[in-house]
Amino acid sequence: MEHKTNEDLWEVFSAYLTEKNLRRTQERRVILQEVCAFDGHFSMDMLRLRMNDTRYHVSRATLYNTLEVLIEAKILVKHPPNFNRTVQYELRSRAETHIHLICTRCDAIREVRYSSLLMPNLRSVKSNFAAEYSTIYIYGICGRCRNKEQRIAQKQKK
């Protein structure tokens, strides 16, 4: 999916809502605007805080419902929870551009850019599977945690 502006995404979302006979509300529009303001991953709690900071209060149920509709409309991607983290969300257009490196010690997520390495290969597979997008998770230990563990090990040797 090419990079779209907030207005472009609202048009896509609005068309989806109309097609599904769902209401096009001001709350949904504001939630989409706040979702677009995140540079990367965000959680429900992060979105609630951002909504409260803008003094636009919506219920937790409205947020969850709207996020689910944004996923169904193929605007958002829902990332599974990692270890101590909660579910994370991300604009689909941004999720398609990187690999997720996830530290199994501190849960940090680092994103490494790639240029659709997987999709052309999936398209060439002869099957009935029609790939829409890809995202890759690689689990390991980040440099910061590795250095910390090495320092602890060195102190224990002394």
N, C-alpha and C. Protein backbone atom coordinates (compact mmCIF):
# COMPACT_ATOMS: atom_id res chain seq x y z
N MET A 1 0.85 -1.18 0.00
CA MET A 1 0.00 0.00 0.00
C MET A 1 0.89 1.24 0.00
N GLU A 2 0.65 2.13 -0.92
CA GLU A 2 1.43 3.35 -0.99
C GLU A 2 1.09 4.26 0.19
N HIS A 3 1.99 5.21 0.46
CA HIS A 3 1.76 6.11 1.58
C HIS A 3 0.56 6.99 1.27
N LYS A 4 -0.35 7.06 2.20
CA LYS A 4 -1.56 7.87 2.01
C LYS A 4 -1.61 8.95 3.09
N THR A 5 -2.21 10.07 2.74
CA THR A 5 -2.40 11.15 3.70
C THR A 5 -3.59 10.82 4.59
N ASN A 6 -3.74 11.59 5.66
CA ASN A 6 -4.89 11.40 6.55
C ASN A 6 -6.21 11.53 5.79
N GLU A 7 -6.27 12.49 4.89
CA GLU A 7 -7.50 12.69 4.11
C GLU A 7 -7.77 11.50 3.20
N ASP A 8 -6.70 10.98 2.57
CA ASP A 8 -6.86 9.80 1.71
C ASP A 8 -7.37 8.62 2.53
N LEU A 9 -6.80 8.44 3.72
CA LEU A 9 -7.24 7.33 4.57
C LEU A 9 -8.68 7.52 5.04
N TRP A 10 -9.06 8.77 5.32
CA TRP A 10 -10.45 9.02 5.70
C TRP A 10 -11.39 8.67 4.55
N GLU A 11 -11.00 8.98 3.32
CA GLU A 11 -11.83 8.64 2.16
C GLU A 11 -11.98 7.13 2.03
N VAL A 12 -10.89 6.40 2.21
CA VAL A 12 -10.93 4.93 2.16
C VAL A 12 -11.83 4.40 3.27
N PHE A 13 -11.62 4.92 4.49
CA PHE A 13 -12.40 4.48 5.65
C PHE A 13 -13.88 4.84 5.46
N SER A 14 -14.13 6.03 5.00
CA SER A 14 -15.50 6.50 4.79
C SER A 14 -16.22 5.60 3.77
N ALA A 15 -15.53 5.26 2.69
CA ALA A 15 -16.12 4.37 1.68
C ALA A 15 -16.40 2.99 2.27
N TYR A 16 -15.50 2.50 3.10
CA TYR A 16 -15.70 1.20 3.74
C TYR A 16 -16.91 1.25 4.67
N LEU A 17 -17.01 2.31 5.46
CA LEU A 17 -18.15 2.44 6.38
C LEU A 17 -19.46 2.48 5.61
N THR A 18 -19.49 3.23 4.52
CA THR A 18 -20.69 3.32 3.69
C THR A 18 -21.04 1.95 3.12
N GLU A 19 -20.03 1.24 2.60
CA GLU A 19 -20.25 -0.08 2.02
C GLU A 19 -20.83 -1.07 3.04
N LYS A 20 -20.39 -0.96 4.29
CA LYS A 20 -20.82 -1.88 5.34
C LYS A 20 -22.03 -1.36 6.12
N ASN A 21 -22.60 -0.25 5.67
CA ASN A 21 -23.74 0.39 6.34
C ASN A 21 -23.43 0.74 7.79
N LEU A 22 -22.21 1.25 8.01
CA LEU A 22 -21.80 1.72 9.33
C LEU A 22 -21.79 3.24 9.32
N ARG A 23 -21.99 3.82 10.48
CA ARG A 23 -22.06 5.28 10.58
C ARG A 23 -20.70 5.92 10.42
N ARG A 24 -20.67 7.05 9.70
CA ARG A 24 -19.46 7.85 9.56
C ARG A 24 -19.55 8.95 10.61
N THR A 25 -18.97 8.68 11.78
CA THR A 25 -19.10 9.61 12.90
C THR A 25 -17.86 10.47 13.06
N GLN A 26 -18.05 11.58 13.76
CA GLN A 26 -16.92 12.46 14.08
C GLN A 26 -15.91 11.72 14.96
N GLU A 27 -16.40 10.87 15.87
CA GLU A 27 -15.50 10.10 16.74
C GLU A 27 -14.57 9.22 15.92
N ARG A 28 -15.12 8.53 14.93
CA ARG A 28 -14.30 7.66 14.09
C ARG A 28 -13.27 8.47 13.30
N ARG A 29 -13.67 9.63 12.84
CA ARG A 29 -12.74 10.48 12.09
C ARG A 29 -11.59 10.94 12.99
N VAL A 30 -11.92 11.38 14.20
CA VAL A 30 -10.89 11.86 15.13
C VAL A 30 -9.96 10.71 15.54
N ILE A 31 -10.53 9.53 15.77
CA ILE A 31 -9.70 8.37 16.13
C ILE A 31 -8.74 8.06 14.99
N LEU A 32 -9.21 8.08 13.76
CA LEU A 32 -8.33 7.83 12.61
C LEU A 32 -7.22 8.89 12.55
N GLN A 33 -7.56 10.15 12.78
CA GLN A 33 -6.55 11.22 12.77
C GLN A 33 -5.48 10.96 13.83
N GLU A 34 -5.91 10.55 15.03
CA GLU A 34 -4.95 10.29 16.10
C GLU A 34 -4.10 9.05 15.80
N VAL A 35 -4.70 8.05 15.20
CA VAL A 35 -3.95 6.86 14.79
C VAL A 35 -2.87 7.25 13.78
N CYS A 36 -3.23 8.11 12.84
CA CYS A 36 -2.27 8.54 11.81
C CYS A 36 -1.13 9.38 12.39
N ALA A 37 -1.33 9.96 13.55
CA ALA A 37 -0.29 10.79 14.18
C ALA A 37 0.83 9.96 14.79
N PHE A 38 0.61 8.67 15.01
CA PHE A 38 1.67 7.81 15.55
C PHE A 38 2.68 7.50 14.45
N ASP A 39 3.96 7.55 14.80
CA ASP A 39 5.01 7.24 13.83
C ASP A 39 5.20 5.75 13.63
N GLY A 40 4.74 4.95 14.56
CA GLY A 40 4.93 3.51 14.46
C GLY A 40 3.88 2.79 15.26
N HIS A 41 4.32 1.82 16.04
CA HIS A 41 3.42 1.00 16.84
C HIS A 41 2.77 1.83 17.95
N PHE A 42 1.56 1.44 18.30
CA PHE A 42 0.90 2.07 19.44
C PHE A 42 -0.03 1.05 20.07
N SER A 43 -0.32 1.25 21.33
CA SER A 43 -1.25 0.37 22.06
C SER A 43 -2.55 1.13 22.30
N MET A 44 -3.53 0.41 22.79
CA MET A 44 -4.81 1.03 23.13
C MET A 44 -4.59 2.12 24.18
N ASP A 45 -3.76 1.84 25.18
CA ASP A 45 -3.52 2.83 26.23
C ASP A 45 -2.85 4.09 25.68
N MET A 46 -1.92 3.91 24.75
CA MET A 46 -1.27 5.08 24.14
C MET A 46 -2.29 5.92 23.37
N LEU A 47 -3.19 5.25 22.67
CA LEU A 47 -4.23 5.96 21.93
C LEU A 47 -5.17 6.68 22.87
N ARG A 48 -5.56 6.03 23.97
CA ARG A 48 -6.45 6.68 24.96
C ARG A 48 -5.80 7.93 25.54
N LEU A 49 -4.51 7.83 25.87
CA LEU A 49 -3.79 9.00 26.40
C LEU A 49 -3.77 10.13 25.38
N ARG A 50 -3.49 9.79 24.15
CA ARG A 50 -3.45 10.81 23.10
C ARG A 50 -4.82 11.45 22.92
N MET A 51 -5.87 10.64 22.96
CA MET A 51 -7.22 11.17 22.83
C MET A 51 -7.54 12.10 24.00
N ASN A 52 -7.14 11.69 25.21
CA ASN A 52 -7.39 12.54 26.39
C ASN A 52 -6.59 13.83 26.32
N ASP A 53 -5.36 13.76 25.80
CA ASP A 53 -4.53 14.96 25.66
C ASP A 53 -5.16 15.97 24.71
N THR A 54 -5.86 15.47 23.71
CA THR A 54 -6.54 16.38 22.77
C THR A 54 -7.90 16.81 23.28
N ARG A 55 -8.23 16.33 24.48
CA ARG A 55 -9.49 16.65 25.13
C ARG A 55 -10.70 16.14 24.34
N TYR A 56 -10.46 15.10 23.57
CA TYR A 56 -11.56 14.47 22.84
C TYR A 56 -11.78 13.12 23.48
N HIS A 57 -12.76 13.04 24.34
CA HIS A 57 -12.98 11.83 25.12
C HIS A 57 -13.97 10.89 24.43
N VAL A 58 -13.55 9.66 24.25
CA VAL A 58 -14.43 8.61 23.74
C VAL A 58 -14.26 7.41 24.66
N SER A 59 -15.25 6.59 24.69
CA SER A 59 -15.19 5.42 25.57
C SER A 59 -14.17 4.41 25.06
N ARG A 60 -13.70 3.58 25.98
CA ARG A 60 -12.77 2.51 25.63
C ARG A 60 -13.41 1.57 24.60
N ALA A 61 -14.70 1.30 24.75
CA ALA A 61 -15.41 0.43 23.80
C ALA A 61 -15.42 1.04 22.40
N THR A 62 -15.64 2.35 22.32
CA THR A 62 -15.63 3.02 21.02
C THR A 62 -14.25 2.91 20.37
N LEU A 63 -13.19 3.07 21.18
CA LEU A 63 -11.83 2.93 20.64
C LEU A 63 -11.60 1.52 20.11
N TYR A 64 -11.91 0.51 20.93
CA TYR A 64 -11.71 -0.87 20.49
C TYR A 64 -12.52 -1.18 19.24
N ASN A 65 -13.78 -0.78 19.24
CA ASN A 65 -14.64 -1.05 18.08
C ASN A 65 -14.12 -0.37 16.82
N THR A 66 -13.68 0.87 16.97
CA THR A 66 -13.17 1.60 15.80
C THR A 66 -11.87 0.98 15.30
N LEU A 67 -11.00 0.57 16.22
CA LEU A 67 -9.76 -0.09 15.79
C LEU A 67 -10.07 -1.38 15.02
N GLU A 68 -11.04 -2.14 15.49
CA GLU A 68 -11.40 -3.37 14.79
C GLU A 68 -11.94 -3.07 13.39
N VAL A 69 -12.74 -2.02 13.27
CA VAL A 69 -13.27 -1.65 11.96
C VAL A 69 -12.13 -1.16 11.05
N LEU A 70 -11.16 -0.44 11.61
CA LEU A 70 -10.00 0.00 10.83
C LEU A 70 -9.17 -1.19 10.34
N ILE A 71 -9.10 -2.24 11.14
CA ILE A 71 -8.41 -3.47 10.72
C ILE A 71 -9.18 -4.13 9.59
N GLU A 72 -10.49 -4.26 9.76
CA GLU A 72 -11.33 -4.86 8.71
C GLU A 72 -11.26 -4.06 7.41
N ALA A 73 -11.10 -2.74 7.51
CA ALA A 73 -11.01 -1.87 6.34
C ALA A 73 -9.61 -1.90 5.72
N LYS A 74 -8.71 -2.67 6.31
CA LYS A 74 -7.33 -2.84 5.84
C LYS A 74 -6.53 -1.55 5.92
N ILE A 75 -6.83 -0.76 6.94
CA ILE A 75 -6.08 0.47 7.19
C ILE A 75 -5.07 0.24 8.30
N LEU A 76 -5.43 -0.59 9.27
CA LEU A 76 -4.57 -0.90 10.42
C LEU A 76 -4.14 -2.36 10.40
N VAL A 77 -3.00 -2.61 11.04
CA VAL A 77 -2.53 -3.98 11.29
C VAL A 77 -2.48 -4.15 12.79
N LYS A 78 -2.92 -5.31 13.25
CA LYS A 78 -2.90 -5.64 14.67
C LYS A 78 -1.75 -6.63 14.88
N HIS A 79 -0.75 -6.20 15.68
CA HIS A 79 0.39 -7.07 15.97
C HIS A 79 0.10 -7.87 17.23
N PRO A 80 0.46 -9.13 17.24
CA PRO A 80 0.21 -9.95 18.44
C PRO A 80 1.03 -9.46 19.62
N PRO A 81 0.55 -9.71 20.83
CA PRO A 81 1.32 -9.28 22.01
C PRO A 81 2.63 -10.07 22.11
N ASN A 82 3.68 -9.39 22.56
CA ASN A 82 4.98 -10.02 22.77
C ASN A 82 5.26 -10.02 24.26
N PHE A 83 5.46 -11.17 24.81
CA PHE A 83 5.90 -11.30 26.19
C PHE A 83 5.09 -10.40 27.12
N ASN A 84 5.66 -9.31 27.63
CA ASN A 84 4.97 -8.44 28.59
C ASN A 84 4.16 -7.33 27.92
N ARG A 85 4.23 -7.22 26.63
CA ARG A 85 3.55 -6.14 25.92
C ARG A 85 2.10 -6.49 25.65
N THR A 86 1.33 -5.46 25.44
CA THR A 86 -0.06 -5.64 25.04
C THR A 86 -0.11 -5.67 23.51
N VAL A 87 -1.27 -5.87 22.98
CA VAL A 87 -1.46 -5.84 21.53
C VAL A 87 -0.99 -4.47 21.02
N GLN A 88 -0.32 -4.48 19.90
CA GLN A 88 0.15 -3.25 19.27
C GLN A 88 -0.56 -3.10 17.92
N TYR A 89 -0.74 -1.86 17.53
CA TYR A 89 -1.37 -1.54 16.25
C TYR A 89 -0.40 -0.68 15.45
N GLU A 90 -0.63 -0.66 14.14
CA GLU A 90 0.22 0.15 13.27
C GLU A 90 -0.53 0.36 11.96
N LEU A 91 -0.32 1.51 11.34
CA LEU A 91 -0.91 1.73 10.03
C LEU A 91 -0.37 0.67 9.07
N ARG A 92 -1.24 0.08 8.32
CA ARG A 92 -0.83 -1.00 7.43
C ARG A 92 0.24 -0.54 6.43
N SER A 93 0.10 0.66 5.92
CA SER A 93 1.08 1.17 4.95
C SER A 93 2.47 1.26 5.55
N ARG A 94 2.57 1.49 6.85
CA ARG A 94 3.89 1.54 7.51
C ARG A 94 4.38 0.15 7.86
N ALA A 95 3.48 -0.75 8.22
CA ALA A 95 3.85 -2.11 8.63
C ALA A 95 4.46 -2.90 7.48
N GLU A 96 4.10 -2.55 6.26
CA GLU A 96 4.59 -3.28 5.10
C GLU A 96 6.04 -2.98 4.76
N THR A 97 6.64 -2.03 5.42
CA THR A 97 7.95 -1.56 5.00
C THR A 97 9.11 -2.00 5.89
N HIS A 98 8.85 -2.83 6.89
CA HIS A 98 9.95 -3.16 7.79
C HIS A 98 9.79 -4.52 8.46
N ILE A 99 10.91 -4.97 8.99
CA ILE A 99 10.99 -6.19 9.77
C ILE A 99 11.02 -5.76 11.24
N HIS A 100 10.38 -6.53 12.11
CA HIS A 100 10.36 -6.23 13.54
C HIS A 100 11.40 -7.08 14.25
N LEU A 101 12.37 -6.45 14.90
CA LEU A 101 13.35 -7.15 15.73
C LEU A 101 12.89 -6.96 17.17
N ILE A 102 12.55 -8.05 17.84
CA ILE A 102 11.95 -7.97 19.17
C ILE A 102 12.88 -8.61 20.18
N CYS A 103 13.28 -7.84 21.20
CA CYS A 103 14.17 -8.34 22.25
C CYS A 103 13.36 -9.19 23.23
N THR A 104 13.83 -10.40 23.47
CA THR A 104 13.12 -11.31 24.38
C THR A 104 13.40 -10.98 25.84
N ARG A 105 14.30 -10.04 26.10
CA ARG A 105 14.60 -9.64 27.47
C ARG A 105 13.83 -8.39 27.90
N CYS A 106 13.90 -7.35 27.09
CA CYS A 106 13.29 -6.07 27.49
C CYS A 106 12.06 -5.71 26.67
N ASP A 107 11.68 -6.54 25.69
CA ASP A 107 10.52 -6.33 24.82
C ASP A 107 10.66 -5.16 23.86
N ALA A 108 11.86 -4.59 23.75
CA ALA A 108 12.06 -3.48 22.81
C ALA A 108 11.80 -3.98 21.40
N ILE A 109 11.22 -3.12 20.59
CA ILE A 109 10.98 -3.45 19.19
C ILE A 109 11.78 -2.46 18.35
N ARG A 110 12.64 -3.00 17.52
CA ARG A 110 13.41 -2.18 16.58
C ARG A 110 12.91 -2.54 15.20
N GLU A 111 12.76 -1.54 14.37
CA GLU A 111 12.27 -1.77 13.02
C GLU A 111 13.40 -1.59 12.03
N VAL A 112 13.55 -2.55 11.13
CA VAL A 112 14.57 -2.49 10.10
C VAL A 112 13.85 -2.44 8.76
N ARG A 113 14.16 -1.44 7.97
CA ARG A 113 13.48 -1.25 6.69
C ARG A 113 13.87 -2.34 5.69
N TYR A 114 12.92 -2.72 4.87
CA TYR A 114 13.18 -3.60 3.75
C TYR A 114 12.23 -3.24 2.63
N SER A 115 12.57 -3.65 1.45
CA SER A 115 11.75 -3.26 0.30
C SER A 115 11.03 -4.47 -0.28
N SER A 116 9.99 -4.87 0.39
CA SER A 116 9.11 -5.94 -0.08
C SER A 116 9.87 -7.17 -0.57
N LEU A 117 10.76 -7.68 0.26
CA LEU A 117 11.54 -8.87 -0.09
C LEU A 117 10.66 -10.10 -0.24
N LEU A 118 9.65 -10.21 0.60
CA LEU A 118 8.85 -11.42 0.66
C LEU A 118 7.71 -11.45 -0.35
N MET A 119 7.06 -10.35 -0.58
CA MET A 119 5.85 -10.33 -1.39
C MET A 119 6.05 -10.88 -2.81
N PRO A 120 7.09 -10.47 -3.54
CA PRO A 120 7.24 -11.04 -4.89
C PRO A 120 7.38 -12.56 -4.86
N ASN A 121 8.05 -13.09 -3.86
CA ASN A 121 8.21 -14.53 -3.74
C ASN A 121 6.87 -15.21 -3.45
N LEU A 122 6.06 -14.60 -2.61
CA LEU A 122 4.74 -15.18 -2.32
C LEU A 122 3.86 -15.16 -3.57
N ARG A 123 3.96 -14.10 -4.34
CA ARG A 123 3.13 -13.99 -5.54
C ARG A 123 3.50 -15.05 -6.58
N SER A 124 4.77 -15.45 -6.58
CA SER A 124 5.21 -16.41 -7.58
C SER A 124 4.87 -17.85 -7.21
N VAL A 125 4.46 -18.08 -5.96
CA VAL A 125 4.08 -19.42 -5.54
C VAL A 125 2.76 -19.77 -6.20
N LYS A 126 2.72 -20.93 -6.83
CA LYS A 126 1.49 -21.33 -7.52
C LYS A 126 0.55 -21.99 -6.51
N SER A 127 -0.40 -21.21 -6.03
CA SER A 127 -1.40 -21.72 -5.10
C SER A 127 -2.60 -20.79 -5.14
N ASN A 128 -3.58 -21.12 -4.35
CA ASN A 128 -4.77 -20.27 -4.27
C ASN A 128 -4.63 -19.19 -3.21
N PHE A 129 -3.47 -19.10 -2.60
CA PHE A 129 -3.23 -18.11 -1.55
C PHE A 129 -2.90 -16.76 -2.18
N ALA A 130 -3.68 -15.74 -1.86
CA ALA A 130 -3.45 -14.39 -2.39
C ALA A 130 -2.91 -13.52 -1.26
N ALA A 131 -1.61 -13.33 -1.22
CA ALA A 131 -0.98 -12.53 -0.18
C ALA A 131 -1.39 -11.06 -0.32
N GLU A 132 -1.73 -10.43 0.81
CA GLU A 132 -2.12 -9.03 0.82
C GLU A 132 -1.02 -8.13 1.35
N TYR A 133 -0.33 -8.58 2.40
CA TYR A 133 0.79 -7.83 2.94
C TYR A 133 1.61 -8.80 3.79
N SER A 134 2.79 -8.37 4.16
CA SER A 134 3.63 -9.22 5.00
C SER A 134 4.25 -8.39 6.12
N THR A 135 4.53 -9.05 7.20
CA THR A 135 5.28 -8.44 8.29
C THR A 135 6.10 -9.57 8.91
N ILE A 136 7.30 -9.26 9.31
CA ILE A 136 8.22 -10.28 9.82
C ILE A 136 8.62 -9.92 11.24
N TYR A 137 8.62 -10.94 12.11
CA TYR A 137 9.06 -10.78 13.49
C TYR A 137 10.30 -11.65 13.70
N ILE A 138 11.35 -11.04 14.19
CA ILE A 138 12.57 -11.78 14.52
C ILE A 138 12.83 -11.56 16.00
N TYR A 139 12.90 -12.65 16.76
CA TYR A 139 13.08 -12.57 18.20
C TYR A 139 14.54 -12.85 18.55
N GLY A 140 15.07 -12.10 19.48
CA GLY A 140 16.45 -12.28 19.91
C GLY A 140 16.75 -11.37 21.09
N ILE A 141 18.03 -11.09 21.29
CA ILE A 141 18.46 -10.24 22.40
C ILE A 141 19.10 -8.99 21.81
N CYS A 142 18.60 -7.83 22.21
CA CYS A 142 19.14 -6.57 21.68
C CYS A 142 20.54 -6.32 22.24
N GLY A 143 21.28 -5.45 21.60
CA GLY A 143 22.65 -5.13 22.01
C GLY A 143 22.71 -4.60 23.43
N ARG A 144 21.76 -3.79 23.80
CA ARG A 144 21.74 -3.22 25.15
C ARG A 144 21.61 -4.32 26.22
N CYS A 145 20.68 -5.24 26.02
CA CYS A 145 20.50 -6.34 26.98
C CYS A 145 21.70 -7.28 26.96
N ARG A 146 22.24 -7.53 25.77
CA ARG A 146 23.41 -8.40 25.66
C ARG A 146 24.59 -7.80 26.42
N ASN A 147 24.82 -6.49 26.27
CA ASN A 147 25.90 -5.81 27.00
C ASN A 147 25.67 -5.87 28.50
N LYS A 148 24.45 -5.66 28.92
CA LYS A 148 24.10 -5.71 30.34
C LYS A 148 24.39 -7.10 30.90
N GLU A 149 23.98 -8.14 30.18
CA GLU A 149 24.23 -9.52 30.62
C GLU A 149 25.73 -9.82 30.69
N GLN A 150 26.49 -9.29 29.74
CA GLN A 150 27.95 -9.50 29.74
C GLN A 150 28.59 -8.82 30.94
N ARG A 151 28.14 -7.60 31.27
CA ARG A 151 28.69 -6.89 32.43
C ARG A 151 28.38 -7.66 33.72
N ILE A 152 27.18 -8.18 33.84
CA ILE A 152 26.79 -8.96 35.02
C ILE A 152 27.64 -10.21 35.11
N ALA A 153 27.83 -10.88 33.98
CA ALA A 153 28.64 -12.11 33.97
C ALA A 153 30.09 -11.81 34.36
N GLN A 154 30.63 -10.69 33.89
CA GLN A 154 32.00 -10.31 34.23
C GLN A 154 32.12 -10.00 35.72
N LYS A 155 31.14 -9.33 36.31
CA LYS A 155 31.18 -9.04 37.74
C LYS A 155 31.10 -10.31 38.57
N GLN A 156 30.33 -11.26 38.10
CA GLN A 156 30.19 -12.54 38.82
C GLN A 156 31.48 -13.36 38.78
N LYS A 157 32.30 -13.21 37.75
CA LYS A 157 33.57 -13.90 37.63
C LYS A 157 34.59 -13.38 38.62
N LYS A 158 34.48 -12.12 38.99
CA LYS A 158 35.47 -11.48 39.88
C LYS A 158 35.32 -11.90 41.29
